[in-house]
PDB file of N, CA and C in Angstrom:
ATOM      1  N   MET A   1       0.848  -1.186   0.000  1.00  0.00           N
ATOM      2  CA  MET A   1       0.000   0.000   0.000  1.00  0.00           C
ATOM      3  C   MET A   1       0.889   1.243   0.000  1.00  0.00           C
ATOM      4  N   HIS A   2       1.155   1.751  -1.203  1.00  0.00           N
ATOM      5  CA  HIS A   2       2.024   2.917  -1.295  1.00  0.00           C
ATOM      6  C   HIS A   2       1.326   4.189  -0.824  1.00  0.00           C
ATOM      7  N   GLU A   3       0.011   4.136  -0.624  1.00  0.00           N
ATOM      8  CA  GLU A   3      -0.696   5.293  -0.083  1.00  0.00           C
ATOM      9  C   GLU A   3      -0.190   5.637   1.314  1.00  0.00           C
ATOM     10  N   LEU A   4       0.181   4.612   2.097  1.00  0.00           N
ATOM     11  CA  LEU A   4       0.715   4.848   3.440  1.00  0.00           C
ATOM     12  C   LEU A   4       2.032   5.611   3.371  1.00  0.00           C
ATOM     13  N   SER A   5       2.899   5.264   2.435  1.00  0.00           N
ATOM     14  CA  SER A   5       4.178   5.982   2.337  1.00  0.00           C
ATOM     15  C   SER A   5       3.958   7.422   1.867  1.00  0.00           C
ATOM     16  N   TYR A   6       2.993   7.641   0.968  1.00  0.00           N
ATOM     17  CA  TYR A   6       2.660   9.014   0.564  1.00  0.00           C
ATOM     18  C   TYR A   6       2.089   9.792   1.747  1.00  0.00           C
ATOM     19  N   ALA A   7       1.199   9.157   2.516  1.00  0.00           N
ATOM     20  CA  ALA A   7       0.597   9.816   3.681  1.00  0.00           C
ATOM     21  C   ALA A   7       1.662  10.163   4.719  1.00  0.00           C
ATOM     22  N   THR A   8       2.591   9.241   4.954  1.00  0.00           N
ATOM     23  CA  THR A   8       3.671   9.479   5.915  1.00  0.00           C
ATOM     24  C   THR A   8       4.563  10.626   5.457  1.00  0.00           C
ATOM     25  N   SER A   9       4.907  10.630   4.188  1.00  0.00           N
ATOM     26  CA  SER A   9       5.731  11.704   3.630  1.00  0.00           C
ATOM     27  C   SER A   9       5.019  13.048   3.743  1.00  0.00           C
ATOM     28  N   MET A  10       3.719  13.051   3.458  1.00  0.00           N
ATOM     29  CA  MET A  10       2.917  14.258   3.548  1.00  0.00           C
ATOM     30  C   MET A  10       2.898  14.798   4.980  1.00  0.00           C
ATOM     31  N   LEU A  11       2.636  13.922   5.933  1.00  0.00           N
ATOM     32  CA  LEU A  11       2.587  14.327   7.338  1.00  0.00           C
ATOM     33  C   LEU A  11       3.943  14.873   7.789  1.00  0.00           C
ATOM     34  N   ASN A  12       5.016  14.149   7.483  1.00  0.00           N
ATOM     35  CA  ASN A  12       6.355  14.587   7.888  1.00  0.00           C
ATOM     36  C   ASN A  12       6.707  15.936   7.270  1.00  0.00           C
ATOM     37  N   THR A  13       6.368  16.133   6.008  1.00  0.00           N
ATOM     38  CA  THR A  13       6.658  17.404   5.332  1.00  0.00           C
ATOM     39  C   THR A  13       5.922  18.562   5.998  1.00  0.00           C
ATOM     40  N   ILE A  14       4.640  18.358   6.298  1.00  0.00           N
ATOM     41  CA  ILE A  14       3.855  19.424   6.928  1.00  0.00           C
ATOM     42  C   ILE A  14       4.381  19.737   8.321  1.00  0.00           C
ATOM     43  N   LEU A  15       4.632  18.701   9.110  1.00  0.00           N
ATOM     44  CA  LEU A  15       5.132  18.928  10.467  1.00  0.00           C
ATOM     45  C   LEU A  15       6.492  19.621  10.452  1.00  0.00           C
ATOM     46  N   GLU A  16       7.371  19.214   9.542  1.00  0.00           N
ATOM     47  CA  GLU A  16       8.694  19.851   9.430  1.00  0.00           C
ATOM     48  C   GLU A  16       8.573  21.301   8.979  1.00  0.00           C
ATOM     49  N   THR A  17       7.655  21.566   8.041  1.00  0.00           N
ATOM     50  CA  THR A  17       7.464  22.935   7.552  1.00  0.00           C
ATOM     51  C   THR A  17       7.002  23.844   8.675  1.00  0.00           C
ATOM     52  N   VAL A  18       6.028  23.391   9.449  1.00  0.00           N
ATOM     53  CA  VAL A  18       5.534  24.195  10.575  1.00  0.00           C
ATOM     54  C   VAL A  18       6.661  24.421  11.580  1.00  0.00           C
ATOM     55  N   LYS A  19       7.427  23.376  11.857  1.00  0.00           N
ATOM     56  CA  LYS A  19       8.537  23.486  12.820  1.00  0.00           C
ATOM     57  C   LYS A  19       9.633  24.423  12.297  1.00  0.00           C
ATOM     58  N   ASN A  20      10.023  24.270  11.034  1.00  0.00           N
ATOM     59  CA  ASN A  20      11.112  25.061  10.463  1.00  0.00           C
ATOM     60  C   ASN A  20      10.754  26.532  10.293  1.00  0.00           C
ATOM     61  N   HIS A  21       9.480  26.832  10.119  1.00  0.00           N
ATOM     62  CA  HIS A  21       9.068  28.230  10.018  1.00  0.00           C
ATOM     63  C   HIS A  21       8.815  28.834  11.395  1.00  0.00           C
ATOM     64  N   ASP A  22       8.992  28.008  12.415  1.00  0.00           N
ATOM     65  CA  ASP A  22       8.879  28.463  13.799  1.00  0.00           C
ATOM     66  C   ASP A  22       7.567  29.199  14.055  1.00  0.00           C
ATOM     67  N   PHE A  23       6.487  28.646  13.470  1.00  0.00           N
ATOM     68  CA  PHE A  23       5.176  29.232  13.725  1.00  0.00           C
ATOM     69  C   PHE A  23       4.835  29.067  15.196  1.00  0.00           C
ATOM     70  N   LYS A  24       4.360  30.114  15.789  1.00  0.00           N
ATOM     71  CA  LYS A  24       3.955  30.083  17.195  1.00  0.00           C
ATOM     72  C   LYS A  24       2.444  29.889  17.278  1.00  0.00           C
ATOM     73  N   ASN A  25       2.014  29.216  18.317  1.00  0.00           N
ATOM     74  CA  ASN A  25       0.600  29.077  18.621  1.00  0.00           C
ATOM     75  C   ASN A  25      -0.219  28.382  17.530  1.00  0.00           C
ATOM     76  N   VAL A  26       0.387  27.423  16.817  1.00  0.00           N
ATOM     77  CA  VAL A  26      -0.374  26.681  15.824  1.00  0.00           C
ATOM     78  C   VAL A  26      -1.324  25.739  16.548  1.00  0.00           C
ATOM     79  N   LYS A  27      -2.605  25.911  16.262  1.00  0.00           N
ATOM     80  CA  LYS A  27      -3.618  25.062  16.875  1.00  0.00           C
ATOM     81  C   LYS A  27      -3.773  23.776  16.073  1.00  0.00           C
ATOM     82  N   ARG A  28      -3.946  23.938  14.766  1.00  0.00           N
ATOM     83  CA  ARG A  28      -4.124  22.764  13.910  1.00  0.00           C
ATOM     84  C   ARG A  28      -4.008  23.131  12.443  1.00  0.00           C
ATOM     85  N   VAL A  29      -3.750  22.118  11.646  1.00  0.00           N
ATOM     86  CA  VAL A  29      -3.837  22.236  10.191  1.00  0.00           C
ATOM     87  C   VAL A  29      -5.237  21.765   9.836  1.00  0.00           C
ATOM     88  N   SER A  30      -6.024  22.650   9.236  1.00  0.00           N
ATOM     89  CA  SER A  30      -7.418  22.306   8.970  1.00  0.00           C
ATOM     90  C   SER A  30      -7.670  21.823   7.542  1.00  0.00           C
ATOM     91  N   LYS A  31      -6.780  22.178   6.619  1.00  0.00           N
ATOM     92  CA  LYS A  31      -6.996  21.792   5.227  1.00  0.00           C
ATOM     93  C   LYS A  31      -5.666  21.602   4.521  1.00  0.00           C
ATOM     94  N   ILE A  32      -5.612  20.588   3.669  1.00  0.00           N
ATOM     95  CA  ILE A  32      -4.419  20.296   2.881  1.00  0.00           C
ATOM     96  C   ILE A  32      -4.850  20.168   1.427  1.00  0.00           C
ATOM     97  N   ASN A  33      -4.266  20.976   0.560  1.00  0.00           N
ATOM     98  CA  ASN A  33      -4.557  20.917  -0.871  1.00  0.00           C
ATOM     99  C   ASN A  33      -3.408  20.222  -1.585  1.00  0.00           C
ATOM    100  N   LEU A  34      -3.740  19.155  -2.286  1.00  0.00           N
ATOM    101  CA  LEU A  34      -2.742  18.355  -2.988  1.00  0.00           C
ATOM    102  C   LEU A  34      -2.928  18.450  -4.493  1.00  0.00           C
ATOM    103  N   GLU A  35      -1.828  18.298  -5.217  1.00  0.00           N
ATOM    104  CA  GLU A  35      -1.844  18.086  -6.661  1.00  0.00           C
ATOM    105  C   GLU A  35      -1.217  16.717  -6.888  1.00  0.00           C
ATOM    106  N   ILE A  36      -1.986  15.830  -7.511  1.00  0.00           N
ATOM    107  CA  ILE A  36      -1.508  14.469  -7.717  1.00  0.00           C
ATOM    108  C   ILE A  36      -1.591  14.123  -9.198  1.00  0.00           C
ATOM    109  N   GLY A  37      -0.489  13.684  -9.752  1.00  0.00           N
ATOM    110  CA  GLY A  37      -0.464  13.250 -11.136  1.00  0.00           C
ATOM    111  C   GLY A  37      -1.224  11.945 -11.309  1.00  0.00           C
ATOM    112  N   GLU A  38      -1.978  11.853 -12.398  1.00  0.00           N
ATOM    113  CA  GLU A  38      -2.779  10.660 -12.651  1.00  0.00           C
ATOM    114  C   GLU A  38      -1.923   9.395 -12.794  1.00  0.00           C
ATOM    115  N   LEU A  39      -0.669   9.549 -13.177  1.00  0.00           N
ATOM    116  CA  LEU A  39       0.190   8.376 -13.364  1.00  0.00           C
ATOM    117  C   LEU A  39       0.727   7.806 -12.052  1.00  0.00           C
ATOM    118  N   THR A  40       0.419   8.452 -10.926  1.00  0.00           N
ATOM    119  CA  THR A  40       0.801   7.860  -9.641  1.00  0.00           C
ATOM    120  C   THR A  40      -0.150   6.729  -9.272  1.00  0.00           C
ATOM    121  N   PHE A  41      -1.342   6.751  -9.858  1.00  0.00           N
ATOM    122  CA  PHE A  41      -2.390   5.749  -9.595  1.00  0.00           C
ATOM    123  C   PHE A  41      -2.692   5.618  -8.101  1.00  0.00           C
ATOM    124  N   ILE A  42      -2.657   6.750  -7.406  1.00  0.00           N
ATOM    125  CA  ILE A  42      -2.955   6.754  -5.975  1.00  0.00           C
ATOM    126  C   ILE A  42      -4.465   6.644  -5.769  1.00  0.00           C
ATOM    127  N   ASN A  43      -4.854   5.786  -4.856  1.00  0.00           N
ATOM    128  CA  ASN A  43      -6.242   5.688  -4.442  1.00  0.00           C
ATOM    129  C   ASN A  43      -6.442   6.743  -3.360  1.00  0.00           C
ATOM    130  N   VAL A  44      -7.174   7.802  -3.692  1.00  0.00           N
ATOM    131  CA  VAL A  44      -7.322   8.948  -2.798  1.00  0.00           C
ATOM    132  C   VAL A  44      -8.020   8.560  -1.498  1.00  0.00           C
ATOM    133  N   GLU A  45      -9.007   7.695  -1.556  1.00  0.00           N
ATOM    134  CA  GLU A  45      -9.695   7.270  -0.335  1.00  0.00           C
ATOM    135  C   GLU A  45      -8.745   6.529   0.605  1.00  0.00           C
ATOM    136  N   GLN A  46      -7.888   5.677   0.055  1.00  0.00           N
ATOM    137  CA  GLN A  46      -6.895   4.982   0.878  1.00  0.00           C
ATOM    138  C   GLN A  46      -5.870   5.958   1.438  1.00  0.00           C
ATOM    139  N   LEU A  47      -5.478   6.938   0.638  1.00  0.00           N
ATOM    140  CA  LEU A  47      -4.541   7.966   1.099  1.00  0.00           C
ATOM    141  C   LEU A  47      -5.146   8.737   2.270  1.00  0.00           C
ATOM    142  N   LYS A  48      -6.402   9.144   2.133  1.00  0.00           N
ATOM    143  CA  LYS A  48      -7.066   9.895   3.199  1.00  0.00           C
ATOM    144  C   LYS A  48      -7.180   9.047   4.468  1.00  0.00           C
ATOM    145  N   PHE A  49      -7.517   7.773   4.308  1.00  0.00           N
ATOM    146  CA  PHE A  49      -7.639   6.898   5.470  1.00  0.00           C
ATOM    147  C   PHE A  49      -6.287   6.733   6.163  1.00  0.00           C
ATOM    148  N   ALA A  50      -5.241   6.470   5.384  1.00  0.00           N
ATOM    149  CA  ALA A  50      -3.901   6.304   5.960  1.00  0.00           C
ATOM    150  C   ALA A  50      -3.476   7.575   6.682  1.00  0.00           C
ATOM    151  N   PHE A  51      -3.751   8.739   6.085  1.00  0.00           N
ATOM    152  CA  PHE A  51      -3.377  10.004   6.713  1.00  0.00           C
ATOM    153  C   PHE A  51      -4.156  10.214   8.006  1.00  0.00           C
ATOM    154  N   GLU A  52      -5.425   9.867   7.982  1.00  0.00           N
ATOM    155  CA  GLU A  52      -6.256   9.997   9.182  1.00  0.00           C
ATOM    156  C   GLU A  52      -5.680   9.171  10.332  1.00  0.00           C
ATOM    157  N   VAL A  53      -5.241   7.966  10.034  1.00  0.00           N
ATOM    158  CA  VAL A  53      -4.699   7.075  11.064  1.00  0.00           C
ATOM    159  C   VAL A  53      -3.375   7.604  11.612  1.00  0.00           C
ATOM    160  N   ILE A  54      -2.454   7.983  10.731  1.00  0.00           N
ATOM    161  CA  ILE A  54      -1.109   8.370  11.201  1.00  0.00           C
ATOM    162  C   ILE A  54      -1.048   9.786  11.752  1.00  0.00           C
ATOM    163  N   SER A  55      -2.077  10.614  11.462  1.00  0.00           N
ATOM    164  CA  SER A  55      -2.024  12.000  11.946  1.00  0.00           C
ATOM    165  C   SER A  55      -2.687  12.179  13.306  1.00  0.00           C
ATOM    166  N   LYS A  56      -3.209  11.099  13.871  1.00  0.00           N
ATOM    167  CA  LYS A  56      -3.836  11.204  15.200  1.00  0.00           C
ATOM    168  C   LYS A  56      -2.823  11.768  16.198  1.00  0.00           C
ATOM    169  N   SER A  57      -3.285  12.629  17.066  1.00  0.00           N
ATOM    170  CA  SER A  57      -2.468  13.270  18.105  1.00  0.00           C
ATOM    171  C   SER A  57      -1.408  14.211  17.539  1.00  0.00           C
ATOM    172  N   THR A  58      -1.593  14.681  16.301  1.00  0.00           N
ATOM    173  CA  THR A  58      -0.709  15.705  15.736  1.00  0.00           C
ATOM    174  C   THR A  58      -1.564  16.918  15.383  1.00  0.00           C
ATOM    175  N   ILE A  59      -0.926  18.001  14.974  1.00  0.00           N
ATOM    176  CA  ILE A  59      -1.667  19.196  14.576  1.00  0.00           C
ATOM    177  C   ILE A  59      -2.435  18.970  13.268  1.00  0.00           C
ATOM    178  N   CYS A  60      -2.178  17.853  12.588  1.00  0.00           N
ATOM    179  CA  CYS A  60      -2.868  17.548  11.332  1.00  0.00           C
ATOM    180  C   CYS A  60      -4.099  16.661  11.522  1.00  0.00           C
ATOM    181  N   GLU A  61      -4.349  16.249  12.767  1.00  0.00           N
ATOM    182  CA  GLU A  61      -5.503  15.376  13.008  1.00  0.00           C
ATOM    183  C   GLU A  61      -6.789  16.069  12.573  1.00  0.00           C
ATOM    184  N   GLY A  62      -7.582  15.371  11.772  1.00  0.00           N
ATOM    185  CA  GLY A  62      -8.858  15.898  11.309  1.00  0.00           C
ATOM    186  C   GLY A  62      -8.776  16.838  10.122  1.00  0.00           C
ATOM    187  N   ALA A  63      -7.595  17.018   9.547  1.00  0.00           N
ATOM    188  CA  ALA A  63      -7.458  17.929   8.408  1.00  0.00           C
ATOM    189  C   ALA A  63      -8.229  17.416   7.197  1.00  0.00           C
ATOM    190  N   GLU A  64      -8.884  18.338   6.508  1.00  0.00           N
ATOM    191  CA  GLU A  64      -9.584  18.017   5.269  1.00  0.00           C
ATOM    192  C   GLU A  64      -8.547  17.959   4.153  1.00  0.00           C
ATOM    193  N   ILE A  65      -8.649  16.950   3.310  1.00  0.00           N
ATOM    194  CA  ILE A  65      -7.712  16.808   2.190  1.00  0.00           C
ATOM    195  C   ILE A  65      -8.474  16.994   0.892  1.00  0.00           C
ATOM    196  N   GLU A  66      -8.021  17.947   0.079  1.00  0.00           N
ATOM    197  CA  GLU A  66      -8.607  18.173  -1.242  1.00  0.00           C
ATOM    198  C   GLU A  66      -7.545  17.853  -2.283  1.00  0.00           C
ATOM    199  N   VAL A  67      -7.978  17.213  -3.370  1.00  0.00           N
ATOM    200  CA  VAL A  67      -7.047  16.755  -4.396  1.00  0.00           C
ATOM    201  C   VAL A  67      -7.430  17.317  -5.757  1.00  0.00           C
ATOM    202  N   LYS A  68      -6.440  17.848  -6.445  1.00  0.00           N
ATOM    203  CA  LYS A  68      -6.583  18.229  -7.848  1.00  0.00           C
ATOM    204  C   LYS A  68      -5.694  17.277  -8.638  1.00  0.00           C
ATOM    205  N   PHE A  69      -6.284  16.588  -9.610  1.00  0.00           N
ATOM    206  CA  PHE A  69      -5.503  15.650 -10.407  1.00  0.00           C
ATOM    207  C   PHE A  69      -4.843  16.358 -11.577  1.00  0.00           C
ATOM    208  N   ILE A  70      -3.615  15.955 -11.873  1.00  0.00           N
ATOM    209  CA  ILE A  70      -2.852  16.521 -12.977  1.00  0.00           C
ATOM    210  C   ILE A  70      -2.738  15.466 -14.069  1.00  0.00           C
ATOM    211  N   LYS A  71      -3.188  15.834 -15.271  1.00  0.00           N
ATOM    212  CA  LYS A  71      -3.098  14.917 -16.402  1.00  0.00           C
ATOM    213  C   LYS A  71      -1.632  14.765 -16.827  1.00  0.00           C
ATOM    214  N   PRO A  72      -1.294  13.610 -17.359  1.00  0.00           N
ATOM    215  CA  PRO A  72       0.067  13.435 -17.867  1.00  0.00           C
ATOM    216  C   PRO A  72       0.330  14.384 -19.044  1.00  0.00           C
ATOM    217  N   TYR A  73       1.549  14.887 -19.110  1.00  0.00           N
ATOM    218  CA  TYR A  73       1.988  15.734 -20.216  1.00  0.00           C
ATOM    219  C   TYR A  73       3.063  14.955 -20.957  1.00  0.00           C
ATOM    220  N   VAL A  74       2.883  14.806 -22.260  1.00  0.00           N
ATOM    221  CA  VAL A  74       3.807  13.986 -23.042  1.00  0.00           C
ATOM    222  C   VAL A  74       4.341  14.754 -24.238  1.00  0.00           C
ATOM    223  N   ILE A  75       5.490  14.287 -24.711  1.00  0.00           N
ATOM    224  CA  ILE A  75       6.077  14.775 -25.953  1.00  0.00           C
ATOM    225  C   ILE A  75       6.356  13.547 -26.811  1.00  0.00           C
ATOM    226  N   CYS A  76       5.857  13.575 -28.042  1.00  0.00           N
ATOM    227  CA  CYS A  76       6.041  12.442 -28.951  1.00  0.00           C
ATOM    228  C   CYS A  76       7.261  12.687 -29.836  1.00  0.00           C
ATOM    229  N   GLY A  77       8.205  11.771 -29.772  1.00  0.00           N
ATOM    230  CA  GLY A  77       9.396  11.861 -30.609  1.00  0.00           C
ATOM    231  C   GLY A  77       9.124  11.512 -32.050  1.00  0.00           C
ATOM    232  N   ASN A  78       7.969  10.937 -32.331  1.00  0.00           N
ATOM    233  CA  ASN A  78       7.609  10.524 -33.687  1.00  0.00           C
ATOM    234  C   ASN A  78       6.979  11.675 -34.475  1.00  0.00           C
ATOM    235  N   CYS A  79       5.938  12.307 -33.898  1.00  0.00           N
ATOM    236  CA  CYS A  79       5.212  13.350 -34.644  1.00  0.00           C
ATOM    237  C   CYS A  79       5.374  14.745 -34.051  1.00  0.00           C
ATOM    238  N   GLY A  80       5.984  14.842 -32.856  1.00  0.00           N
ATOM    239  CA  GLY A  80       6.203  16.137 -32.243  1.00  0.00           C
ATOM    240  C   GLY A  80       5.067  16.632 -31.364  1.00  0.00           C
ATOM    241  N   TYR A  81       4.029  15.826 -31.173  1.00  0.00           N
ATOM    242  CA  TYR A  81       2.905  16.222 -30.325  1.00  0.00           C
ATOM    243  C   TYR A  81       3.403  16.577 -28.928  1.00  0.00           C
ATOM    244  N   LYS A  82       2.904  17.690 -28.400  1.00  0.00           N
ATOM    245  CA  LYS A  82       3.170  18.091 -27.021  1.00  0.00           C
ATOM    246  C   LYS A  82       1.830  18.413 -26.393  1.00  0.00           C
ATOM    247  N   GLY A  83       1.502  17.711 -25.315  1.00  0.00           N
ATOM    248  CA  GLY A  83       0.241  18.015 -24.670  1.00  0.00           C
ATOM    249  C   GLY A  83      -0.179  16.962 -23.670  1.00  0.00           C
ATOM    250  N   GLU A  84      -1.421  17.133 -23.205  1.00  0.00           N
ATOM    251  CA  GLU A  84      -1.953  16.229 -22.197  1.00  0.00           C
ATOM    252  C   GLU A  84      -2.325  14.892 -22.819  1.00  0.00           C
ATOM    253  N   LEU A  85      -2.368  13.914 -21.958  1.00  0.00           N
ATOM    254  CA  LEU A  85      -2.708  12.555 -22.360  1.00  0.00           C
ATOM    255  C   LEU A  85      -3.835  12.080 -21.474  1.00  0.00           C
ATOM    256  N   ASP A  86      -4.881  11.533 -22.086  1.00  0.00           N
ATOM    257  CA  ASP A  86      -5.954  10.930 -21.300  1.00  0.00           C
ATOM    258  C   ASP A  86      -5.501   9.538 -20.891  1.00  0.00           C
ATOM    259  N   VAL A  87      -5.479   9.286 -19.587  1.00  0.00           N
ATOM    260  CA  VAL A  87      -5.048   7.990 -19.088  1.00  0.00           C
ATOM    261  C   VAL A  87      -6.233   7.040 -19.101  1.00  0.00           C
ATOM    262  N   ILE A  88      -5.984   5.890 -19.656  1.00  0.00           N
ATOM    263  CA  ILE A  88      -6.992   4.836 -19.675  1.00  0.00           C
ATOM    264  C   ILE A  88      -6.563   3.831 -18.619  1.00  0.00           C
ATOM    265  N   ASP A  89      -7.484   3.006 -18.159  1.00  0.00           N
ATOM    266  CA  ASP A  89      -7.185   2.060 -17.089  1.00  0.00           C
ATOM    267  C   ASP A  89      -6.032   1.113 -17.397  1.00  0.00           C
ATOM    268  N   ASP A  90      -5.838   0.772 -18.668  1.00  0.00           N
ATOM    269  CA  ASP A  90      -4.698  -0.097 -18.964  1.00  0.00           C
ATOM    270  C   ASP A  90      -3.428   0.744 -19.039  1.00  0.00           C
ATOM    271  N   LEU A  91      -2.313   0.110 -19.004  1.00  0.00           N
ATOM    272  CA  LEU A  91      -1.041   0.834 -18.962  1.00  0.00           C
ATOM    273  C   LEU A  91      -0.426   1.045 -20.338  1.00  0.00           C
ATOM    274  N   LEU A  92      -1.130   0.676 -21.396  1.00  0.00           N
ATOM    275  CA  LEU A  92      -0.629   0.901 -22.743  1.00  0.00           C
ATOM    276  C   LEU A  92      -0.901   2.351 -23.106  1.00  0.00           C
ATOM    277  N   ILE A  93       0.150   3.128 -23.201  1.00  0.00           N
ATOM    278  CA  ILE A  93       0.025   4.554 -23.467  1.00  0.00           C
ATOM    279  C   ILE A  93       0.603   4.830 -24.849  1.00  0.00           C
ATOM    280  N   SER A  94      -0.156   5.559 -25.668  1.00  0.00           N
ATOM    281  CA  SER A  94       0.324   5.909 -26.999  1.00  0.00           C
ATOM    282  C   SER A  94      -0.016   7.365 -27.300  1.00  0.00           C
ATOM    283  N   CYS A  95       0.651   7.907 -28.297  1.00  0.00           N
ATOM    284  CA  CYS A  95       0.464   9.307 -28.680  1.00  0.00           C
ATOM    285  C   CYS A  95      -0.974   9.522 -29.144  1.00  0.00           C
ATOM    286  N   PRO A  96      -1.643  10.563 -28.606  1.00  0.00           N
ATOM    287  CA  PRO A  96      -3.020  10.830 -29.023  1.00  0.00           C
ATOM    288  C   PRO A  96      -3.130  11.293 -30.474  1.00  0.00           C
ATOM    289  N   LYS A  97      -2.012  11.754 -31.058  1.00  0.00           N
ATOM    290  CA  LYS A  97      -2.044  12.272 -32.429  1.00  0.00           C
ATOM    291  C   LYS A  97      -1.703  11.194 -33.457  1.00  0.00           C
ATOM    292  N   CYS A  98      -0.558  10.512 -33.255  1.00  0.00           N
ATOM    293  CA  CYS A  98      -0.123   9.548 -34.276  1.00  0.00           C
ATOM    294  C   CYS A  98      -0.269   8.097 -33.842  1.00  0.00           C
ATOM    295  N   GLY A  99      -0.544   7.866 -32.563  1.00  0.00           N
ATOM    296  CA  GLY A  99      -0.735   6.499 -32.083  1.00  0.00           C
ATOM    297  C   GLY A  99       0.536   5.763 -31.729  1.00  0.00           C
ATOM    298  N   SER A 100       1.683   6.399 -31.868  1.00  0.00           N
ATOM    299  CA  SER A 100       2.959   5.744 -31.570  1.00  0.00           C
ATOM    300  C   SER A 100       3.087   5.474 -30.077  1.00  0.00           C
ATOM    301  N   PRO A 101       3.328   4.211 -29.694  1.00  0.00           N
ATOM    302  CA  PRO A 101       3.476   3.911 -28.272  1.00  0.00           C
ATOM    303  C   PRO A 101       4.926   3.983 -27.779  1.00  0.00           C
ATOM    304  N   SER A 102       5.864   3.943 -28.692  1.00  0.00           N
ATOM    305  CA  SER A 102       7.254   3.774 -28.265  1.00  0.00           C
ATOM    306  C   SER A 102       8.063   5.053 -28.190  1.00  0.00           C
ATOM    307  N   SER A 103       7.561   6.138 -28.727  1.00  0.00           N
ATOM    308  CA  SER A 103       8.383   7.350 -28.772  1.00  0.00           C
ATOM    309  C   SER A 103       7.877   8.465 -27.862  1.00  0.00           C
ATOM    310  N   LEU A 104       7.053   8.111 -26.885  1.00  0.00           N
ATOM    311  CA  LEU A 104       6.547   9.128 -25.966  1.00  0.00           C
ATOM    312  C   LEU A 104       7.500   9.373 -24.816  1.00  0.00           C
ATOM    313  N   LYS A 105       7.716  10.626 -24.518  1.00  0.00           N
ATOM    314  CA  LYS A 105       8.471  11.013 -23.340  1.00  0.00           C
ATOM    315  C   LYS A 105       7.489  11.638 -22.371  1.00  0.00           C
ATOM    316  N   ILE A 106       7.374  11.079 -21.184  1.00  0.00           N
ATOM    317  CA  ILE A 106       6.433  11.582 -20.188  1.00  0.00           C
ATOM    318  C   ILE A 106       7.104  12.701 -19.410  1.00  0.00           C
ATOM    319  N   GLU A 107       6.511  13.889 -19.493  1.00  0.00           N
ATOM    320  CA  GLU A 107       7.063  15.070 -18.839  1.00  0.00           C
ATOM    321  C   GLU A 107       6.312  15.435 -17.559  1.00  0.00           C
ATOM    322  N   GLY A 108       5.116  14.938 -17.386  1.00  0.00           N
ATOM    323  CA  GLY A 108       4.331  15.271 -16.212  1.00  0.00           C
ATOM    324  C   GLY A 108       3.248  14.242 -16.003  1.00  0.00           C
ATOM    325  N   GLY A 109       2.728  14.208 -14.777  1.00  0.00           N
ATOM    326  CA  GLY A 109       1.667  13.269 -14.455  1.00  0.00           C
ATOM    327  C   GLY A 109       2.026  12.327 -13.328  1.00  0.00           C
ATOM    328  N   ARG A 110       3.271  12.467 -12.828  1.00  0.00           N
ATOM    329  CA  ARG A 110       3.719  11.631 -11.709  1.00  0.00           C
ATOM    330  C   ARG A 110       3.935  12.467 -10.445  1.00  0.00           C
ATOM    331  N   GLU A 111       3.402  13.676 -10.440  1.00  0.00           N
ATOM    332  CA  GLU A 111       3.604  14.589  -9.318  1.00  0.00           C
ATOM    333  C   GLU A 111       2.815  14.162  -8.085  1.00  0.00           C
ATOM    334  N   PHE A 112       3.356  14.547  -6.955  1.00  0.00           N
ATOM    335  CA  PHE A 112       2.621  14.474  -5.688  1.00  0.00           C
ATOM    336  C   PHE A 112       3.077  15.688  -4.902  1.00  0.00           C
ATOM    337  N   ASN A 113       2.285  16.764  -4.987  1.00  0.00           N
ATOM    338  CA  ASN A 113       2.673  18.034  -4.392  1.00  0.00           C
ATOM    339  C   ASN A 113       1.676  18.495  -3.345  1.00  0.00           C
ATOM    340  N   ILE A 114       2.203  19.006  -2.258  1.00  0.00           N
ATOM    341  CA  ILE A 114       1.364  19.716  -1.304  1.00  0.00           C
ATOM    342  C   ILE A 114       1.314  21.145  -1.814  1.00  0.00           C
ATOM    343  N   LYS A 115       0.186  21.531  -2.369  1.00  0.00           N
ATOM    344  CA  LYS A 115       0.050  22.862  -2.962  1.00  0.00           C
ATOM    345  C   LYS A 115       0.036  23.930  -1.878  1.00  0.00           C
ATOM    346  N   ASN A 116      -0.795  23.713  -0.845  1.00  0.00           N
ATOM    347  CA  ASN A 116      -0.830  24.631   0.296  1.00  0.00           C
ATOM    348  C   ASN A 116      -1.606  23.984   1.432  1.00  0.00           C
ATOM    349  N   ILE A 117      -1.479  24.597   2.600  1.00  0.00           N
ATOM    350  CA  ILE A 117      -2.205  24.130   3.774  1.00  0.00           C
ATOM    351  C   ILE A 117      -2.871  25.331   4.445  1.00  0.00           C
ATOM    352  N   THR A 118      -3.957  25.059   5.161  1.00  0.00           N
ATOM    353  CA  THR A 118      -4.621  26.083   5.962  1.00  0.00           C
ATOM    354  C   THR A 118      -4.326  25.776   7.422  1.00  0.00           C
ATOM    355  N   VAL A 119      -3.786  26.767   8.121  1.00  0.00           N
ATOM    356  CA  VAL A 119      -3.383  26.591   9.515  1.00  0.00           C
ATOM    357  C   VAL A 119      -4.242  27.489  10.398  1.00  0.00           C
ATOM    358  N   GLU A 120      -4.711  26.933  11.505  1.00  0.00           N
ATOM    359  CA  GLU A 120      -5.429  27.715  12.507  1.00  0.00           C
ATOM    360  C   GLU A 120      -4.501  27.959  13.692  1.00  0.00           C
ATOM    361  N   PHE A 121      -4.571  29.155  14.249  1.00  0.00           N
ATOM    362  CA  PHE A 121      -3.719  29.526  15.376  1.00  0.00           C
ATOM    363  C   PHE A 121      -4.544  29.657  16.647  1.00  0.00           C
ATOM    364  N   GLU A 122      -3.886  29.389  17.774  1.00  0.00           N
ATOM    365  CA  GLU A 122      -4.515  29.592  19.090  1.00  0.00           C
ATOM    366  C   GLU A 122      -4.731  31.080  19.291  1.00  0.00           C
ATOM    367  N   ASP A 123      -5.793  31.434  19.999  1.00  0.00           N
ATOM    368  CA  ASP A 123      -5.990  32.838  20.370  1.00  0.00           C
ATOM    369  C   ASP A 123      -4.958  33.176  21.445  1.00  0.00           C
ATOM    370  N   GLU A 124      -4.347  34.339  21.289  1.00  0.00           N
ATOM    371  CA  GLU A 124      -3.320  34.715  22.255  1.00  0.00           C
ATOM    372  C   GLU A 124      -3.901  35.446  23.428  1.00  0.00           C
TER     373      GLU A 124
END
């Protein structure tokens, strides 16, 4: 279950960011916005569940997770096509313009980015 490793990485990154920026009086992280490439094939429900389990007793406990999916971006060495690729359930990927399966260079679609987080602070 690679969703657990993504969830762990996400939690560690957020906790380190809050610590390294020396934010004072952080009450909780209430929202996490992610960008996930479609080629990661991450099951978002499993990711959310894994994050919910590992974030207990941290400032991220109960955080809402929103996901924006990023389509793969390819360049075809055969016809020169540059653009997005619609991912189909099978793993056979070919150029949307010329159909060539062997000359595609994948430039995007494997991302896993924390775009931003919403942090709530304690009242002083």
